[in-house]
Amino acid sequence: MIRLGTDIVYIPRIQAAVERFGDRFLHRVYTPIEQYDCGYALDSDSRLSIHRLAGRWAAKEAVAKVLATGWQGISYTEIEIQRQTSGAPAVYLHGRAAALVATWNKDLSWQLSLSHDRDYAIATAILFC
């Protein structure tokens, strides 16, 4: 079985949320690893960081669509998008999200693609099970 999810996000929307809610927004949506990977606190080029955060947002939404639960019973931080040493994104599930997928099959494989263009970030997640 193959499951597919795609999401697109308007990057200025994420910028506005960060500016309005600051750390409260970041901690609610992104894990510490994601915040570090995006370089938000470390990067002097905040535009680059916002693009990375928006890409993670789109990826989390795409993965949630694969899970077919919406956000019912799953928090944003239970879906984690990490950058591998190759630079490719990888999906890590925690808590209830991991428990849900564990009931489907023991042999699962994720593919994730993120892209950015000007004011938009898009992500596609595929789960092979």
C-alpha atoms as a PDB file:
ATOM      1  CA  MET A   1       0.000   0.000   0.000  1.00  0.00           C
ATOM      2  CA  ILE A   2       1.139   3.552  -0.755  1.00  0.00           C
ATOM      3  CA  ARG A   3      -0.106   6.656   1.068  1.00  0.00           C
ATOM      4  CA  LEU A   4       0.443  10.174  -0.283  1.00  0.00           C
ATOM      5  CA  GLY A   5       0.130  13.650   1.232  1.00  0.00           C
ATOM      6  CA  THR A   6       0.987  17.098  -0.161  1.00  0.00           C
ATOM      7  CA  ASP A   7       0.832  20.569   1.343  1.00  0.00           C
ATOM      8  CA  ILE A   8       1.731  24.086   0.277  1.00  0.00           C
ATOM      9  CA  VAL A   9       2.243  27.003   2.661  1.00  0.00           C
ATOM     10  CA  TYR A  10       2.483  30.743   2.153  1.00  0.00           C
ATOM     11  CA  ILE A  11       5.815  31.606   3.794  1.00  0.00           C
ATOM     12  CA  PRO A  12       4.760  35.095   5.013  1.00  0.00           C
ATOM     13  CA  ARG A  13       2.054  33.327   7.070  1.00  0.00           C
ATOM     14  CA  ILE A  14       4.736  31.465   9.023  1.00  0.00           C
ATOM     15  CA  GLN A  15       6.762  34.683   9.334  1.00  0.00           C
ATOM     16  CA  ALA A  16       3.715  36.449  10.805  1.00  0.00           C
ATOM     17  CA  ALA A  17       3.140  33.637  13.323  1.00  0.00           C
ATOM     18  CA  VAL A  18       6.781  33.751  14.450  1.00  0.00           C
ATOM     19  CA  GLU A  19       6.679  37.537  14.778  1.00  0.00           C
ATOM     20  CA  ARG A  20       3.368  37.527  16.636  1.00  0.00           C
ATOM     21  CA  PHE A  21       3.833  34.546  18.969  1.00  0.00           C
ATOM     22  CA  GLY A  22       7.628  34.047  19.037  1.00  0.00           C
ATOM     23  CA  ASP A  23       8.945  31.171  21.115  1.00  0.00           C
ATOM     24  CA  ARG A  24       5.439  30.058  22.069  1.00  0.00           C
ATOM     25  CA  PHE A  25       4.712  29.290  18.402  1.00  0.00           C
ATOM     26  CA  LEU A  26       8.111  27.716  17.782  1.00  0.00           C
ATOM     27  CA  HIS A  27       7.865  25.374  20.788  1.00  0.00           C
ATOM     28  CA  ARG A  28       4.279  24.388  19.997  1.00  0.00           C
ATOM     29  CA  VAL A  29       5.002  23.467  16.375  1.00  0.00           C
ATOM     30  CA  TYR A  30       8.695  22.555  16.095  1.00  0.00           C
ATOM     31  CA  THR A  31      10.854  20.188  18.120  1.00  0.00           C
ATOM     32  CA  PRO A  32      14.201  21.440  19.452  1.00  0.00           C
ATOM     33  CA  ILE A  33      15.950  19.446  16.701  1.00  0.00           C
ATOM     34  CA  GLU A  34      13.824  21.115  14.022  1.00  0.00           C
ATOM     35  CA  GLN A  35      14.496  24.553  15.451  1.00  0.00           C
ATOM     36  CA  TYR A  36      18.220  23.799  15.447  1.00  0.00           C
ATOM     37  CA  ASP A  37      18.118  22.343  11.888  1.00  0.00           C
ATOM     38  CA  CYS A  38      16.343  25.476  10.679  1.00  0.00           C
ATOM     39  CA  GLY A  39      18.975  27.612  12.393  1.00  0.00           C
ATOM     40  CA  TYR A  40      16.286  29.980  13.561  1.00  0.00           C
ATOM     41  CA  ALA A  41      18.021  31.055  16.745  1.00  0.00           C
ATOM     42  CA  LEU A  42      21.521  30.790  15.286  1.00  0.00           C
ATOM     43  CA  ASP A  43      21.104  32.179  11.796  1.00  0.00           C
ATOM     44  CA  SER A  44      21.544  35.875  11.200  1.00  0.00           C
ATOM     45  CA  ASP A  45      19.648  35.511   7.902  1.00  0.00           C
ATOM     46  CA  SER A  46      16.134  35.144   9.325  1.00  0.00           C
ATOM     47  CA  ARG A  47      14.640  34.937   5.815  1.00  0.00           C
ATOM     48  CA  LEU A  48      16.474  31.659   5.236  1.00  0.00           C
ATOM     49  CA  SER A  49      15.316  30.367   8.601  1.00  0.00           C
ATOM     50  CA  ILE A  50      11.690  31.284   7.928  1.00  0.00           C
ATOM     51  CA  HIS A  51      11.870  29.442   4.596  1.00  0.00           C
ATOM     52  CA  ARG A  52      13.165  26.370   6.417  1.00  0.00           C
ATOM     53  CA  LEU A  53      10.481  26.619   9.106  1.00  0.00           C
ATOM     54  CA  ALA A  54       7.800  26.967   6.408  1.00  0.00           C
ATOM     55  CA  GLY A  55       9.146  23.896   4.619  1.00  0.00           C
ATOM     56  CA  ARG A  56       8.933  21.933   7.872  1.00  0.00           C
ATOM     57  CA  TRP A  57       5.365  23.175   8.379  1.00  0.00           C
ATOM     58  CA  ALA A  58       4.364  21.975   4.883  1.00  0.00           C
ATOM     59  CA  ALA A  59       6.105  18.649   5.512  1.00  0.00           C
ATOM     60  CA  LYS A  60       4.289  18.121   8.829  1.00  0.00           C
ATOM     61  CA  GLU A  61       0.973  18.856   7.113  1.00  0.00           C
ATOM     62  CA  ALA A  62       1.811  16.445   4.274  1.00  0.00           C
ATOM     63  CA  VAL A  63       2.704  13.701   6.773  1.00  0.00           C
ATOM     64  CA  ALA A  64      -0.519  14.362   8.713  1.00  0.00           C
ATOM     65  CA  LYS A  65      -2.427  13.828   5.463  1.00  0.00           C
ATOM     66  CA  VAL A  66      -0.652  10.482   5.026  1.00  0.00           C
ATOM     67  CA  LEU A  67      -1.732   9.543   8.545  1.00  0.00           C
ATOM     68  CA  ALA A  68      -5.316  10.438   7.555  1.00  0.00           C
ATOM     69  CA  THR A  69      -6.185  11.699  11.039  1.00  0.00           C
ATOM     70  CA  GLY A  70      -5.991  15.410  10.456  1.00  0.00           C
ATOM     71  CA  TRP A  71      -4.614  16.800  13.684  1.00  0.00           C
ATOM     72  CA  GLN A  72      -7.080  14.838  15.835  1.00  0.00           C
ATOM     73  CA  GLY A  73      -5.102  13.356  18.718  1.00  0.00           C
ATOM     74  CA  ILE A  74      -1.685  14.183  17.224  1.00  0.00           C
ATOM     75  CA  SER A  75       0.404  17.230  18.054  1.00  0.00           C
ATOM     76  CA  TYR A  76       2.730  19.050  15.661  1.00  0.00           C
ATOM     77  CA  THR A  77       5.800  17.967  17.619  1.00  0.00           C
ATOM     78  CA  GLU A  78       4.878  14.284  17.236  1.00  0.00           C
ATOM     79  CA  ILE A  79       5.783  14.652  13.560  1.00  0.00           C
ATOM     80  CA  GLU A  80       9.425  15.634  13.283  1.00  0.00           C
ATOM     81  CA  ILE A  81      11.278  16.519  10.089  1.00  0.00           C
ATOM     82  CA  GLN A  82      15.045  16.202  10.391  1.00  0.00           C
ATOM     83  CA  ARG A  83      17.756  16.944   7.890  1.00  0.00           C
ATOM     84  CA  GLN A  84      19.962  13.936   7.194  1.00  0.00           C
ATOM     85  CA  THR A  85      23.716  14.357   6.726  1.00  0.00           C
ATOM     86  CA  SER A  86      23.078  14.237   2.962  1.00  0.00           C
ATOM     87  CA  GLY A  87      20.745  17.220   3.350  1.00  0.00           C
ATOM     88  CA  ALA A  88      17.646  15.196   2.469  1.00  0.00           C
ATOM     89  CA  PRO A  89      14.673  15.509   4.824  1.00  0.00           C
ATOM     90  CA  ALA A  90      13.555  12.530   6.899  1.00  0.00           C
ATOM     91  CA  VAL A  91      10.344  11.803   8.827  1.00  0.00           C
ATOM     92  CA  TYR A  92      10.461  10.780  12.495  1.00  0.00           C
ATOM     93  CA  LEU A  93       7.267  10.046  14.385  1.00  0.00           C
ATOM     94  CA  HIS A  94       6.812  10.198  18.149  1.00  0.00           C
ATOM     95  CA  GLY A  95       4.032   9.458  20.615  1.00  0.00           C
ATOM     96  CA  ARG A  96       0.574   8.827  19.196  1.00  0.00           C
ATOM     97  CA  ALA A  97       1.698   9.334  15.594  1.00  0.00           C
ATOM     98  CA  ALA A  98       4.306   6.588  15.967  1.00  0.00           C
ATOM     99  CA  ALA A  99       1.809   4.312  17.719  1.00  0.00           C
ATOM    100  CA  LEU A 100      -0.709   4.734  14.904  1.00  0.00           C
ATOM    101  CA  VAL A 101       1.760   3.872  12.142  1.00  0.00           C
ATOM    102  CA  ALA A 102       3.146   0.919  14.126  1.00  0.00           C
ATOM    103  CA  THR A 103      -0.254  -0.785  13.805  1.00  0.00           C
ATOM    104  CA  TRP A 104      -0.130  -0.673   9.995  1.00  0.00           C
ATOM    105  CA  ASN A 105       2.998  -2.630   9.170  1.00  0.00           C
ATOM    106  CA  LYS A 106       6.471  -3.292  10.521  1.00  0.00           C
ATOM    107  CA  ASP A 107       8.182  -2.614   7.174  1.00  0.00           C
ATOM    108  CA  LEU A 108       7.546   1.076   6.442  1.00  0.00           C
ATOM    109  CA  SER A 109       9.505   3.464   4.279  1.00  0.00           C
ATOM    110  CA  TRP A 110       9.025   7.235   3.993  1.00  0.00           C
ATOM    111  CA  GLN A 111       9.958   9.494   1.098  1.00  0.00           C
ATOM    112  CA  LEU A 112       9.731  13.234   1.616  1.00  0.00           C
ATOM    113  CA  SER A 113      10.348  16.091  -0.795  1.00  0.00           C
ATOM    114  CA  LEU A 114      10.398  19.802   0.064  1.00  0.00           C
ATOM    115  CA  SER A 115      10.690  22.745  -2.285  1.00  0.00           C
ATOM    116  CA  HIS A 116      10.654  26.529  -1.948  1.00  0.00           C
ATOM    117  CA  ASP A 117       9.882  29.220  -4.494  1.00  0.00           C
ATOM    118  CA  ARG A 118       9.666  32.868  -3.497  1.00  0.00           C
ATOM    119  CA  ASP A 119       6.716  33.072  -1.087  1.00  0.00           C
ATOM    120  CA  TYR A 120       5.740  29.395  -1.057  1.00  0.00           C
ATOM    121  CA  ALA A 121       7.005  26.117   0.358  1.00  0.00           C
ATOM    122  CA  ILE A 122       5.602  22.764  -0.712  1.00  0.00           C
ATOM    123  CA  ALA A 123       6.108  19.260   0.594  1.00  0.00           C
ATOM    124  CA  THR A 124       5.078  15.813  -0.577  1.00  0.00           C
ATOM    125  CA  ALA A 125       5.204  12.799   1.726  1.00  0.00           C
ATOM    126  CA  ILE A 126       4.886   9.205   0.564  1.00  0.00           C
ATOM    127  CA  LEU A 127       4.637   6.231   2.884  1.00  0.00           C
ATOM    128  CA  PHE A 128       5.260   2.771   1.464  1.00  0.00           C
ATOM    129  CA  CYS A 129       3.739   0.109   3.697  1.00  0.00           C
END
